């Protein structure tokens, strides 16, 4: 479940980043409100996920997927130029995130992560 929350938080990161761009410096109320709400929910989800996933892994997944989704959205909507090289690099980010999930993290006998 923490991984699903983390993935949802990464999607919300892409939402708030895209809304921030659309808000034109927070001068447009609709996108500005979306930015604030998605940003808050994204942080709450990340905070929940790091209760079970080490912060380094969770943060890398959150920022990596959020960035990849933001660039993908920008290319899809015409806000950023499409490039095969960009797509390949984004696939690398997603591959690295999947690798972090596959590698996992050690836990002690009580089921707590080895962090701290």
N, C-alpha and C. Protein backbone atom coordinates (compact mmCIF):
# COMPACT_ATOMS: atom_id res chain seq x y z
N UNK A 1 0.80 -1.21 0.00
CA UNK A 1 0.00 0.00 0.00
C UNK A 1 0.85 1.27 0.00
N UNK A 2 1.96 1.34 0.77
CA UNK A 2 2.77 2.56 0.74
C UNK A 2 3.28 2.89 -0.66
N UNK A 3 3.57 1.86 -1.46
CA UNK A 3 4.04 2.11 -2.82
C UNK A 3 2.95 2.71 -3.69
N UNK A 4 1.72 2.30 -3.50
CA UNK A 4 0.61 2.89 -4.26
C UNK A 4 0.40 4.35 -3.87
N UNK A 5 0.51 4.61 -2.59
CA UNK A 5 0.39 6.00 -2.11
C UNK A 5 1.52 6.85 -2.69
N UNK A 6 2.72 6.28 -2.72
CA UNK A 6 3.86 7.00 -3.27
C UNK A 6 3.67 7.28 -4.76
N UNK A 7 3.16 6.30 -5.51
CA UNK A 7 2.90 6.52 -6.93
C UNK A 7 1.83 7.59 -7.14
N UNK A 8 0.78 7.56 -6.33
CA UNK A 8 -0.26 8.60 -6.43
C UNK A 8 0.33 9.97 -6.10
N UNK A 9 1.22 10.02 -5.13
CA UNK A 9 1.87 11.28 -4.77
C UNK A 9 2.75 11.80 -5.90
N UNK A 10 3.40 10.89 -6.62
CA UNK A 10 4.21 11.30 -7.78
C UNK A 10 3.33 11.87 -8.88
N UNK A 11 2.18 11.27 -9.09
CA UNK A 11 1.23 11.81 -10.07
C UNK A 11 0.79 13.21 -9.64
N UNK A 12 0.50 13.37 -8.35
CA UNK A 12 0.10 14.68 -7.85
C UNK A 12 1.24 15.70 -7.96
N UNK A 13 2.49 15.22 -7.88
CA UNK A 13 3.61 16.14 -8.08
C UNK A 13 3.59 16.69 -9.50
N UNK A 14 3.32 15.81 -10.46
CA UNK A 14 3.23 16.26 -11.86
C UNK A 14 2.05 17.22 -12.03
N UNK A 15 0.95 16.97 -11.32
CA UNK A 15 -0.21 17.85 -11.40
C UNK A 15 0.14 19.23 -10.86
N UNK A 16 0.76 19.28 -9.69
CA UNK A 16 1.06 20.61 -9.12
C UNK A 16 2.10 21.35 -9.94
N UNK A 17 3.07 20.63 -10.49
CA UNK A 17 4.08 21.31 -11.32
C UNK A 17 3.45 21.88 -12.58
N UNK A 18 2.57 21.11 -13.20
CA UNK A 18 1.89 21.57 -14.41
C UNK A 18 0.94 22.72 -14.09
N UNK A 19 0.26 22.62 -12.95
CA UNK A 19 -0.65 23.70 -12.54
C UNK A 19 0.13 24.98 -12.23
N UNK A 20 1.31 24.83 -11.65
CA UNK A 20 2.14 26.00 -11.37
C UNK A 20 2.50 26.72 -12.67
N UNK A 21 2.89 25.96 -13.68
CA UNK A 21 3.20 26.57 -14.97
C UNK A 21 1.98 27.25 -15.57
N UNK A 22 0.82 26.60 -15.45
CA UNK A 22 -0.42 27.15 -16.02
C UNK A 22 -0.93 28.37 -15.24
N UNK A 23 -0.49 28.51 -13.99
CA UNK A 23 -0.98 29.62 -13.17
C UNK A 23 -0.34 30.95 -13.51
N UNK A 24 0.68 30.92 -14.37
CA UNK A 24 1.37 32.15 -14.78
C UNK A 24 1.80 32.97 -13.56
N UNK A 25 2.64 32.34 -12.74
CA UNK A 25 3.14 33.04 -11.56
C UNK A 25 2.09 33.19 -10.47
N UNK A 26 1.20 32.23 -10.37
CA UNK A 26 0.10 32.22 -9.40
C UNK A 26 -0.89 33.37 -9.61
N UNK A 27 -0.94 33.90 -10.83
CA UNK A 27 -1.86 35.00 -11.11
C UNK A 27 -3.22 34.53 -11.64
N UNK A 28 -3.33 33.27 -12.00
CA UNK A 28 -4.61 32.71 -12.45
C UNK A 28 -5.17 31.84 -11.32
N UNK A 29 -6.33 32.18 -10.78
CA UNK A 29 -6.84 31.52 -9.58
C UNK A 29 -7.07 30.01 -9.71
N UNK A 30 -7.66 29.56 -10.80
CA UNK A 30 -7.95 28.13 -10.95
C UNK A 30 -6.70 27.26 -10.87
N UNK A 31 -5.72 27.50 -11.74
CA UNK A 31 -4.50 26.71 -11.65
C UNK A 31 -3.74 26.92 -10.34
N UNK A 32 -3.82 28.13 -9.77
CA UNK A 32 -3.14 28.40 -8.50
C UNK A 32 -3.72 27.55 -7.38
N UNK A 33 -5.05 27.43 -7.34
CA UNK A 33 -5.69 26.59 -6.33
C UNK A 33 -5.34 25.12 -6.55
N UNK A 34 -5.36 24.68 -7.80
CA UNK A 34 -4.98 23.30 -8.12
C UNK A 34 -3.55 23.03 -7.68
N UNK A 35 -2.65 23.98 -7.93
CA UNK A 35 -1.27 23.87 -7.49
C UNK A 35 -1.19 23.66 -5.97
N UNK A 36 -1.90 24.49 -5.21
CA UNK A 36 -1.85 24.40 -3.75
C UNK A 36 -2.43 23.08 -3.23
N UNK A 37 -3.57 22.68 -3.78
CA UNK A 37 -4.22 21.45 -3.31
C UNK A 37 -3.39 20.22 -3.69
N UNK A 38 -2.97 20.14 -4.95
CA UNK A 38 -2.18 18.98 -5.39
C UNK A 38 -0.84 18.94 -4.66
N UNK A 39 -0.23 20.10 -4.43
CA UNK A 39 1.04 20.15 -3.71
C UNK A 39 0.89 19.62 -2.29
N UNK A 40 -0.15 20.07 -1.60
CA UNK A 40 -0.38 19.62 -0.23
C UNK A 40 -0.65 18.11 -0.19
N UNK A 41 -1.52 17.63 -1.07
CA UNK A 41 -1.83 16.20 -1.09
C UNK A 41 -0.61 15.36 -1.46
N UNK A 42 0.20 15.87 -2.37
CA UNK A 42 1.40 15.17 -2.76
C UNK A 42 2.36 15.02 -1.57
N UNK A 43 2.52 16.07 -0.81
CA UNK A 43 3.39 16.04 0.37
C UNK A 43 2.85 15.10 1.45
N UNK A 44 1.54 15.13 1.65
CA UNK A 44 0.93 14.24 2.64
C UNK A 44 1.14 12.78 2.24
N UNK A 45 0.97 12.49 0.96
CA UNK A 45 1.20 11.13 0.49
C UNK A 45 2.65 10.71 0.65
N UNK A 46 3.58 11.60 0.33
CA UNK A 46 5.00 11.29 0.51
C UNK A 46 5.30 11.05 1.99
N UNK A 47 4.76 11.88 2.85
CA UNK A 47 4.97 11.71 4.29
C UNK A 47 4.43 10.36 4.77
N UNK A 48 3.30 9.96 4.25
CA UNK A 48 2.73 8.65 4.62
C UNK A 48 3.62 7.51 4.11
N UNK A 49 4.10 7.63 2.88
CA UNK A 49 4.90 6.57 2.28
C UNK A 49 6.22 6.38 3.01
N UNK A 50 6.84 7.46 3.49
CA UNK A 50 8.14 7.33 4.14
C UNK A 50 8.05 6.70 5.53
N UNK A 51 6.86 6.43 5.97
CA UNK A 51 6.70 5.66 7.21
C UNK A 51 7.10 4.21 6.99
N UNK A 52 7.06 3.75 5.72
CA UNK A 52 7.38 2.36 5.40
C UNK A 52 8.53 2.22 4.40
N UNK A 53 8.76 3.24 3.61
CA UNK A 53 9.79 3.20 2.56
C UNK A 53 10.90 4.16 2.98
N UNK A 54 12.16 3.75 2.89
CA UNK A 54 13.25 4.67 3.26
C UNK A 54 13.15 5.98 2.48
N UNK A 55 13.49 7.08 3.15
CA UNK A 55 13.33 8.41 2.57
C UNK A 55 14.11 8.57 1.27
N UNK A 56 15.30 8.04 1.20
CA UNK A 56 16.10 8.17 -0.03
C UNK A 56 15.41 7.53 -1.21
N UNK A 57 14.90 6.33 -1.02
CA UNK A 57 14.19 5.62 -2.07
C UNK A 57 12.89 6.32 -2.41
N UNK A 58 12.12 6.67 -1.39
CA UNK A 58 10.82 7.32 -1.61
C UNK A 58 10.99 8.65 -2.34
N UNK A 59 11.97 9.43 -1.93
CA UNK A 59 12.16 10.74 -2.55
C UNK A 59 12.62 10.60 -3.99
N UNK A 60 13.50 9.63 -4.25
CA UNK A 60 13.96 9.40 -5.62
C UNK A 60 12.80 8.97 -6.51
N UNK A 61 11.95 8.11 -6.01
CA UNK A 61 10.78 7.67 -6.79
C UNK A 61 9.83 8.83 -7.00
N UNK A 62 9.55 9.57 -5.95
CA UNK A 62 8.60 10.69 -6.01
C UNK A 62 9.06 11.75 -7.01
N UNK A 63 10.31 12.17 -6.89
CA UNK A 63 10.80 13.20 -7.80
C UNK A 63 11.02 12.68 -9.21
N UNK A 64 11.54 11.45 -9.31
CA UNK A 64 11.81 10.88 -10.63
C UNK A 64 10.55 10.70 -11.45
N UNK A 65 9.56 10.03 -10.86
CA UNK A 65 8.30 9.84 -11.58
C UNK A 65 7.57 11.15 -11.80
N UNK A 66 7.59 12.01 -10.79
CA UNK A 66 6.94 13.31 -10.95
C UNK A 66 7.54 14.10 -12.09
N UNK A 67 8.86 14.11 -12.18
CA UNK A 67 9.52 14.83 -13.27
C UNK A 67 9.22 14.18 -14.62
N UNK A 68 9.29 12.87 -14.68
CA UNK A 68 9.02 12.17 -15.94
C UNK A 68 7.59 12.42 -16.41
N UNK A 69 6.64 12.38 -15.49
CA UNK A 69 5.25 12.63 -15.85
C UNK A 69 5.03 14.08 -16.26
N UNK A 70 5.71 15.01 -15.59
CA UNK A 70 5.57 16.42 -15.93
C UNK A 70 6.09 16.69 -17.34
N UNK A 71 7.25 16.15 -17.67
CA UNK A 71 7.81 16.35 -19.01
C UNK A 71 6.93 15.67 -20.05
N UNK A 72 6.45 14.46 -19.74
CA UNK A 72 5.58 13.74 -20.68
C UNK A 72 4.32 14.56 -20.95
N UNK A 73 3.71 15.09 -19.92
CA UNK A 73 2.51 15.91 -20.07
C UNK A 73 2.82 17.16 -20.90
N UNK A 74 3.95 17.81 -20.61
CA UNK A 74 4.31 19.02 -21.34
C UNK A 74 4.55 18.71 -22.83
N UNK A 75 5.16 17.58 -23.12
CA UNK A 75 5.36 17.22 -24.52
C UNK A 75 4.04 16.88 -25.19
N UNK A 76 3.15 16.22 -24.47
CA UNK A 76 1.85 15.83 -25.01
C UNK A 76 0.98 17.04 -25.32
N UNK A 77 1.04 18.04 -24.47
CA UNK A 77 0.19 19.23 -24.66
C UNK A 77 0.85 20.33 -25.47
N UNK A 78 2.08 20.10 -25.92
CA UNK A 78 2.77 21.08 -26.74
C UNK A 78 3.53 22.13 -25.97
N UNK A 79 3.60 22.00 -24.66
CA UNK A 79 4.33 22.97 -23.85
C UNK A 79 5.83 22.78 -23.91
N UNK A 80 6.24 21.63 -24.41
CA UNK A 80 7.66 21.33 -24.54
C UNK A 80 7.86 20.51 -25.81
N UNK A 81 8.94 20.74 -26.49
CA UNK A 81 9.20 20.03 -27.75
C UNK A 81 9.42 18.53 -27.51
N UNK A 82 8.85 17.72 -28.40
CA UNK A 82 9.04 16.28 -28.36
C UNK A 82 10.42 15.93 -28.90
N UNK A 83 11.04 14.94 -28.28
CA UNK A 83 12.33 14.47 -28.75
C UNK A 83 12.47 13.00 -28.41
N UNK A 84 12.97 12.22 -29.35
CA UNK A 84 13.21 10.79 -29.10
C UNK A 84 14.23 10.64 -27.98
N UNK A 85 15.22 11.50 -27.93
CA UNK A 85 16.23 11.44 -26.87
C UNK A 85 15.57 11.68 -25.51
N UNK A 86 14.67 12.67 -25.43
CA UNK A 86 13.96 12.92 -24.17
C UNK A 86 13.16 11.69 -23.74
N UNK A 87 12.47 11.07 -24.67
CA UNK A 87 11.67 9.88 -24.35
C UNK A 87 12.58 8.77 -23.83
N UNK A 88 13.73 8.57 -24.46
CA UNK A 88 14.67 7.54 -24.01
C UNK A 88 15.18 7.85 -22.60
N UNK A 89 15.50 9.10 -22.35
CA UNK A 89 15.97 9.47 -21.01
C UNK A 89 14.87 9.33 -19.96
N UNK A 90 13.64 9.68 -20.32
CA UNK A 90 12.51 9.50 -19.40
C UNK A 90 12.30 8.01 -19.11
N UNK A 91 12.46 7.18 -20.13
CA UNK A 91 12.35 5.73 -19.92
C UNK A 91 13.44 5.26 -18.96
N UNK A 92 14.61 5.87 -19.03
CA UNK A 92 15.68 5.55 -18.08
C UNK A 92 15.31 5.89 -16.65
N UNK A 93 14.67 7.04 -16.47
CA UNK A 93 14.22 7.44 -15.13
C UNK A 93 13.21 6.43 -14.60
N UNK A 94 12.23 6.09 -15.42
CA UNK A 94 11.20 5.13 -15.00
C UNK A 94 11.84 3.78 -14.72
N UNK A 95 12.80 3.36 -15.54
CA UNK A 95 13.50 2.10 -15.31
C UNK A 95 14.25 2.11 -13.98
N UNK A 96 14.88 3.24 -13.66
CA UNK A 96 15.58 3.35 -12.38
C UNK A 96 14.61 3.28 -11.21
N UNK A 97 13.45 3.89 -11.35
CA UNK A 97 12.43 3.83 -10.29
C UNK A 97 11.95 2.40 -10.09
N UNK A 98 11.72 1.69 -11.18
CA UNK A 98 11.32 0.28 -11.07
C UNK A 98 12.43 -0.52 -10.39
N UNK A 99 13.68 -0.22 -10.74
CA UNK A 99 14.81 -0.88 -10.10
C UNK A 99 14.84 -0.66 -8.60
N UNK A 100 14.53 0.56 -8.15
CA UNK A 100 14.49 0.84 -6.72
C UNK A 100 13.42 0.02 -6.03
N UNK A 101 12.30 -0.18 -6.67
CA UNK A 101 11.24 -1.01 -6.10
C UNK A 101 11.67 -2.47 -6.03
N UNK A 102 12.29 -2.95 -7.10
CA UNK A 102 12.71 -4.35 -7.15
C UNK A 102 13.78 -4.65 -6.11
N UNK A 103 14.73 -3.73 -5.94
CA UNK A 103 15.81 -3.94 -4.98
C UNK A 103 15.26 -3.97 -3.56
N UNK A 104 14.26 -3.16 -3.29
CA UNK A 104 13.64 -3.14 -1.97
C UNK A 104 14.56 -2.56 -0.92
N UNK A 105 14.25 -2.85 0.34
CA UNK A 105 15.06 -2.38 1.46
C UNK A 105 14.98 -3.39 2.59
N UNK A 106 16.07 -3.52 3.38
CA UNK A 106 16.07 -4.48 4.48
C UNK A 106 15.17 -4.01 5.62
N UNK A 107 14.63 -4.97 6.33
CA UNK A 107 13.82 -4.68 7.51
C UNK A 107 14.36 -5.48 8.68
N UNK A 108 14.07 -5.01 9.89
CA UNK A 108 14.48 -5.78 11.07
C UNK A 108 13.38 -6.77 11.42
N UNK A 109 13.54 -7.47 12.52
CA UNK A 109 12.57 -8.51 12.91
C UNK A 109 11.16 -7.96 13.12
N UNK A 110 11.06 -6.69 13.51
CA UNK A 110 9.75 -6.09 13.78
C UNK A 110 9.10 -5.57 12.50
N UNK A 111 9.80 -5.68 11.36
CA UNK A 111 9.22 -5.21 10.10
C UNK A 111 9.51 -3.76 9.79
N UNK A 112 10.35 -3.11 10.60
CA UNK A 112 10.69 -1.71 10.35
C UNK A 112 11.82 -1.64 9.34
N UNK A 113 11.86 -0.56 8.58
CA UNK A 113 12.94 -0.39 7.61
C UNK A 113 14.23 -0.12 8.35
N UNK A 114 15.34 -0.38 7.65
CA UNK A 114 16.65 -0.20 8.24
C UNK A 114 17.09 1.26 8.35
N UNK A 115 16.30 2.19 7.84
CA UNK A 115 16.67 3.60 7.90
C UNK A 115 16.51 4.12 9.32
N UNK A 116 17.49 4.91 9.77
CA UNK A 116 17.52 5.53 11.11
C UNK A 116 17.43 4.47 12.14
